[in-house]
Amino acid sequence: MVEINKDVTFTDISTNTPISFDWNFGDGTVLTGITDNPVKHQYNIPGDYIITHKVYNICGPSTNDCTKSLNVTELPTNGGSSAPVIAAAAFVGLMMMLKK
């Protein structure tokens, strides 16, 4: 579960020596040519989001974009922990196929 207004960490675990990444977080935020890995993002509004991720290496872009859905909720404020929810949610365990 991902909570609004908390950092969500997205980690790319691609092979074939990636050099940059494009991230579309599904809420209007698009990052292109990013070299940082992992990246963090916050969602301000509860809902379902489709995250799209493209990887680049020296041969060009990945042959398949990675797309994953993510549900963001607003948890009730009932004295629970205020620690940020960290989720390498969308892309842990997914390998990107890069052009050879």
N, C-alpha and C. Protein backbone atom coordinates (compact mmCIF):
# COMPACT_ATOMS: atom_id res chain seq x y z
N MET A 1 0.85 -1.17 0.00
CA MET A 1 0.00 0.00 0.00
C MET A 1 0.89 1.24 0.00
N VAL A 2 0.52 2.22 -0.79
CA VAL A 2 1.25 3.48 -0.86
C VAL A 2 0.33 4.58 -0.36
N GLU A 3 0.87 5.42 0.50
CA GLU A 3 0.09 6.48 1.13
C GLU A 3 0.39 7.82 0.45
N ILE A 4 -0.65 8.68 0.33
CA ILE A 4 -0.45 9.98 -0.29
C ILE A 4 0.54 10.81 0.52
N ASN A 5 1.21 11.72 -0.19
CA ASN A 5 2.15 12.67 0.39
C ASN A 5 3.34 12.02 1.09
N LYS A 6 3.66 10.80 0.71
CA LYS A 6 4.83 10.09 1.24
C LYS A 6 5.71 9.71 0.06
N ASP A 7 7.01 9.68 0.27
CA ASP A 7 7.93 9.27 -0.79
C ASP A 7 7.69 7.83 -1.20
N VAL A 8 7.66 7.61 -2.49
CA VAL A 8 7.63 6.27 -3.06
C VAL A 8 8.94 6.13 -3.83
N THR A 9 9.68 5.08 -3.58
CA THR A 9 10.96 4.86 -4.24
C THR A 9 10.80 3.85 -5.36
N PHE A 10 11.20 4.25 -6.57
CA PHE A 10 11.16 3.38 -7.74
C PHE A 10 12.59 3.04 -8.12
N THR A 11 12.87 1.75 -8.22
CA THR A 11 14.22 1.28 -8.52
C THR A 11 14.24 0.49 -9.81
N ASP A 12 15.13 0.86 -10.71
CA ASP A 12 15.31 0.11 -11.93
C ASP A 12 16.33 -1.00 -11.68
N ILE A 13 16.03 -2.21 -12.13
CA ILE A 13 16.97 -3.32 -11.97
C ILE A 13 17.30 -3.93 -13.34
N SER A 14 17.36 -3.08 -14.34
CA SER A 14 17.66 -3.54 -15.70
C SER A 14 19.06 -4.10 -15.83
N THR A 15 19.22 -4.91 -16.85
CA THR A 15 20.54 -5.42 -17.20
C THR A 15 21.04 -4.69 -18.44
N ASN A 16 22.18 -5.06 -18.95
CA ASN A 16 22.76 -4.50 -20.18
C ASN A 16 23.19 -3.05 -20.04
N THR A 17 23.67 -2.68 -18.87
CA THR A 17 24.30 -1.38 -18.61
C THR A 17 23.44 -0.19 -19.02
N PRO A 18 22.34 0.05 -18.34
CA PRO A 18 21.51 1.22 -18.66
C PRO A 18 22.27 2.51 -18.38
N ILE A 19 21.99 3.53 -19.20
CA ILE A 19 22.63 4.83 -18.99
C ILE A 19 21.65 5.93 -18.62
N SER A 20 20.36 5.75 -18.93
CA SER A 20 19.36 6.72 -18.49
C SER A 20 17.98 6.07 -18.50
N PHE A 21 17.03 6.78 -17.88
CA PHE A 21 15.69 6.25 -17.69
C PHE A 21 14.66 7.34 -17.94
N ASP A 22 13.50 6.95 -18.44
CA ASP A 22 12.32 7.82 -18.50
C ASP A 22 11.29 7.23 -17.55
N TRP A 23 10.67 8.09 -16.76
CA TRP A 23 9.61 7.66 -15.84
C TRP A 23 8.37 8.51 -16.10
N ASN A 24 7.22 7.87 -16.25
CA ASN A 24 5.93 8.55 -16.29
C ASN A 24 5.15 7.99 -15.11
N PHE A 25 4.88 8.85 -14.12
CA PHE A 25 4.27 8.39 -12.88
C PHE A 25 2.75 8.34 -12.91
N GLY A 26 2.14 8.68 -14.06
CA GLY A 26 0.71 8.53 -14.22
C GLY A 26 -0.13 9.65 -13.63
N ASP A 27 0.52 10.64 -13.03
CA ASP A 27 -0.21 11.76 -12.44
C ASP A 27 0.13 13.07 -13.13
N GLY A 28 0.71 12.98 -14.32
CA GLY A 28 1.12 14.18 -15.05
C GLY A 28 2.60 14.49 -14.90
N THR A 29 3.29 13.78 -14.02
CA THR A 29 4.72 13.98 -13.82
C THR A 29 5.50 13.02 -14.71
N VAL A 30 6.34 13.59 -15.56
CA VAL A 30 7.17 12.79 -16.46
C VAL A 30 8.62 13.26 -16.29
N LEU A 31 9.51 12.31 -16.05
CA LEU A 31 10.94 12.60 -15.95
C LEU A 31 11.63 11.91 -17.12
N THR A 32 12.43 12.64 -17.89
CA THR A 32 13.11 12.05 -19.03
C THR A 32 14.62 12.24 -18.89
N GLY A 33 15.36 11.27 -19.38
CA GLY A 33 16.81 11.35 -19.36
C GLY A 33 17.41 11.31 -17.97
N ILE A 34 16.72 10.66 -17.06
CA ILE A 34 17.15 10.60 -15.67
C ILE A 34 18.29 9.59 -15.53
N THR A 35 19.34 9.97 -14.79
CA THR A 35 20.44 9.04 -14.54
C THR A 35 20.42 8.54 -13.10
N ASP A 36 19.62 9.16 -12.24
CA ASP A 36 19.53 8.72 -10.86
C ASP A 36 18.76 7.40 -10.78
N ASN A 37 19.22 6.52 -9.96
CA ASN A 37 18.53 5.26 -9.71
C ASN A 37 18.86 4.84 -8.29
N PRO A 38 17.89 4.79 -7.41
CA PRO A 38 16.45 4.92 -7.62
C PRO A 38 16.00 6.39 -7.70
N VAL A 39 14.72 6.57 -8.01
CA VAL A 39 14.09 7.89 -7.98
C VAL A 39 12.93 7.85 -6.99
N LYS A 40 12.61 9.02 -6.44
CA LYS A 40 11.48 9.11 -5.50
C LYS A 40 10.41 10.02 -6.08
N HIS A 41 9.17 9.70 -5.72
CA HIS A 41 8.02 10.49 -6.19
C HIS A 41 6.95 10.47 -5.12
N GLN A 42 6.16 11.54 -5.04
CA GLN A 42 5.03 11.59 -4.11
C GLN A 42 3.74 11.81 -4.90
N TYR A 43 2.69 11.15 -4.45
CA TYR A 43 1.35 11.31 -5.02
C TYR A 43 0.51 12.13 -4.05
N ASN A 44 -0.19 13.15 -4.56
CA ASN A 44 -0.99 14.04 -3.71
C ASN A 44 -2.45 13.63 -3.61
N ILE A 45 -2.89 12.80 -4.53
CA ILE A 45 -4.31 12.45 -4.61
C ILE A 45 -4.44 10.93 -4.61
N PRO A 46 -5.32 10.38 -3.78
CA PRO A 46 -5.54 8.93 -3.80
C PRO A 46 -6.07 8.49 -5.16
N GLY A 47 -5.74 7.27 -5.55
CA GLY A 47 -6.27 6.74 -6.80
C GLY A 47 -5.37 5.67 -7.36
N ASP A 48 -5.74 5.20 -8.54
CA ASP A 48 -4.96 4.20 -9.26
C ASP A 48 -4.14 4.91 -10.33
N TYR A 49 -2.87 4.60 -10.40
CA TYR A 49 -1.96 5.24 -11.34
C TYR A 49 -1.26 4.17 -12.16
N ILE A 50 -1.01 4.50 -13.43
CA ILE A 50 -0.25 3.64 -14.32
C ILE A 50 1.13 4.26 -14.48
N ILE A 51 2.16 3.53 -14.07
CA ILE A 51 3.53 4.01 -14.16
C ILE A 51 4.17 3.35 -15.37
N THR A 52 4.84 4.15 -16.19
CA THR A 52 5.54 3.64 -17.36
C THR A 52 7.02 3.97 -17.23
N HIS A 53 7.85 3.01 -17.57
CA HIS A 53 9.29 3.14 -17.39
C HIS A 53 9.99 2.67 -18.66
N LYS A 54 10.90 3.50 -19.18
CA LYS A 54 11.69 3.13 -20.35
C LYS A 54 13.17 3.26 -19.97
N VAL A 55 13.97 2.33 -20.46
CA VAL A 55 15.39 2.27 -20.16
C VAL A 55 16.18 2.49 -21.44
N TYR A 56 17.30 3.21 -21.32
CA TYR A 56 18.19 3.44 -22.46
C TYR A 56 19.58 2.91 -22.13
N ASN A 57 20.23 2.31 -23.13
CA ASN A 57 21.65 2.01 -23.02
C ASN A 57 22.33 2.57 -24.26
N ILE A 58 23.59 2.24 -24.49
CA ILE A 58 24.30 2.85 -25.62
C ILE A 58 23.71 2.49 -26.97
N CYS A 59 22.89 1.43 -27.02
CA CYS A 59 22.24 1.02 -28.28
C CYS A 59 20.91 1.72 -28.51
N GLY A 60 20.40 2.43 -27.51
CA GLY A 60 19.12 3.11 -27.66
C GLY A 60 18.14 2.71 -26.58
N PRO A 61 16.84 2.91 -26.85
CA PRO A 61 15.81 2.62 -25.85
C PRO A 61 15.51 1.13 -25.74
N SER A 62 14.91 0.76 -24.62
CA SER A 62 14.46 -0.62 -24.43
C SER A 62 13.43 -0.97 -25.49
N THR A 63 13.35 -2.24 -25.81
CA THR A 63 12.41 -2.68 -26.83
C THR A 63 10.98 -2.72 -26.29
N ASN A 64 10.84 -2.82 -24.99
CA ASN A 64 9.51 -2.83 -24.37
C ASN A 64 9.50 -1.89 -23.18
N ASP A 65 8.52 -0.98 -23.15
CA ASP A 65 8.34 -0.17 -21.95
C ASP A 65 7.76 -1.06 -20.86
N CYS A 66 8.12 -0.78 -19.64
CA CYS A 66 7.56 -1.51 -18.51
C CYS A 66 6.41 -0.68 -17.95
N THR A 67 5.25 -1.28 -17.81
CA THR A 67 4.08 -0.58 -17.32
C THR A 67 3.51 -1.36 -16.14
N LYS A 68 3.17 -0.63 -15.09
CA LYS A 68 2.65 -1.27 -13.87
C LYS A 68 1.65 -0.32 -13.22
N SER A 69 0.63 -0.89 -12.58
CA SER A 69 -0.34 -0.06 -11.87
C SER A 69 0.05 0.05 -10.40
N LEU A 70 -0.38 1.14 -9.79
CA LEU A 70 -0.06 1.41 -8.39
C LEU A 70 -1.28 2.06 -7.76
N ASN A 71 -1.69 1.56 -6.60
CA ASN A 71 -2.82 2.14 -5.87
C ASN A 71 -2.29 3.00 -4.74
N VAL A 72 -2.76 4.25 -4.70
CA VAL A 72 -2.35 5.19 -3.66
C VAL A 72 -3.58 5.51 -2.82
N THR A 73 -3.45 5.38 -1.50
CA THR A 73 -4.59 5.59 -0.62
C THR A 73 -4.30 6.66 0.42
N GLU A 74 -5.37 7.19 0.95
CA GLU A 74 -5.26 8.13 2.06
C GLU A 74 -5.65 7.37 3.32
N LEU A 75 -4.68 7.10 4.15
CA LEU A 75 -4.94 6.34 5.37
C LEU A 75 -5.57 7.25 6.41
N PRO A 76 -6.46 6.69 7.23
CA PRO A 76 -7.06 7.50 8.28
C PRO A 76 -6.00 7.93 9.29
N THR A 77 -6.15 9.14 9.81
CA THR A 77 -5.22 9.62 10.82
C THR A 77 -5.74 9.23 12.19
N ASN A 78 -5.30 8.07 12.65
CA ASN A 78 -5.77 7.56 13.93
C ASN A 78 -4.60 7.24 14.86
N GLY A 79 -3.57 8.08 14.77
CA GLY A 79 -2.44 7.89 15.65
C GLY A 79 -1.44 6.86 15.17
N GLY A 80 -1.56 6.44 13.92
CA GLY A 80 -0.63 5.45 13.39
C GLY A 80 0.73 6.06 13.13
N SER A 81 1.62 5.27 12.66
CA SER A 81 2.99 5.70 12.39
C SER A 81 3.02 6.78 11.32
N SER A 82 3.89 7.74 11.50
CA SER A 82 4.05 8.79 10.49
C SER A 82 5.25 8.51 9.59
N ALA A 83 5.84 7.33 9.72
CA ALA A 83 6.98 6.97 8.88
C ALA A 83 6.54 6.85 7.43
N PRO A 84 7.37 7.33 6.50
CA PRO A 84 6.99 7.25 5.10
C PRO A 84 6.89 5.81 4.63
N VAL A 85 5.93 5.59 3.74
CA VAL A 85 5.79 4.28 3.12
C VAL A 85 6.76 4.24 1.95
N ILE A 86 7.70 3.33 1.99
CA ILE A 86 8.67 3.21 0.91
C ILE A 86 8.31 1.96 0.11
N ALA A 87 8.13 2.14 -1.17
CA ALA A 87 7.76 1.00 -2.00
C ALA A 87 8.60 1.01 -3.27
N ALA A 88 9.41 0.03 -3.41
CA ALA A 88 10.08 -0.16 -4.69
C ALA A 88 9.08 -0.97 -5.49
N ALA A 89 7.85 -0.51 -5.42
CA ALA A 89 6.66 -1.27 -5.75
C ALA A 89 6.60 -1.71 -7.19
N ALA A 90 6.70 -0.80 -8.09
CA ALA A 90 6.31 -1.12 -9.45
C ALA A 90 7.31 -1.99 -10.18
N PHE A 91 8.57 -1.91 -9.85
CA PHE A 91 9.53 -2.53 -10.74
C PHE A 91 10.48 -3.52 -10.08
N VAL A 92 10.31 -3.80 -8.81
CA VAL A 92 11.17 -4.80 -8.19
C VAL A 92 10.86 -6.15 -8.82
N GLY A 93 11.87 -6.84 -9.22
CA GLY A 93 11.70 -8.16 -9.80
C GLY A 93 11.41 -8.15 -11.29
N LEU A 94 11.25 -6.97 -11.89
CA LEU A 94 10.99 -6.90 -13.32
C LEU A 94 12.27 -6.57 -14.06
N MET A 95 12.57 -7.32 -15.05
CA MET A 95 13.76 -7.05 -15.86
C MET A 95 13.31 -6.40 -17.15
N MET A 96 14.05 -5.39 -17.56
CA MET A 96 13.75 -4.70 -18.81
C MET A 96 14.58 -5.34 -19.92
N MET A 97 13.98 -5.51 -21.07
CA MET A 97 14.70 -6.04 -22.21
C MET A 97 15.24 -4.87 -23.02
N LEU A 98 16.54 -4.80 -23.19
CA LEU A 98 17.17 -3.72 -23.93
C LEU A 98 17.58 -4.20 -25.31
N LYS A 99 17.65 -3.23 -26.23
CA LYS A 99 18.16 -3.55 -27.56
C LYS A 99 19.60 -4.01 -27.46
N LYS A 100 19.96 -4.91 -28.27
CA LYS A 100 21.35 -5.38 -28.29
C LYS A 100 22.07 -4.75 -29.43
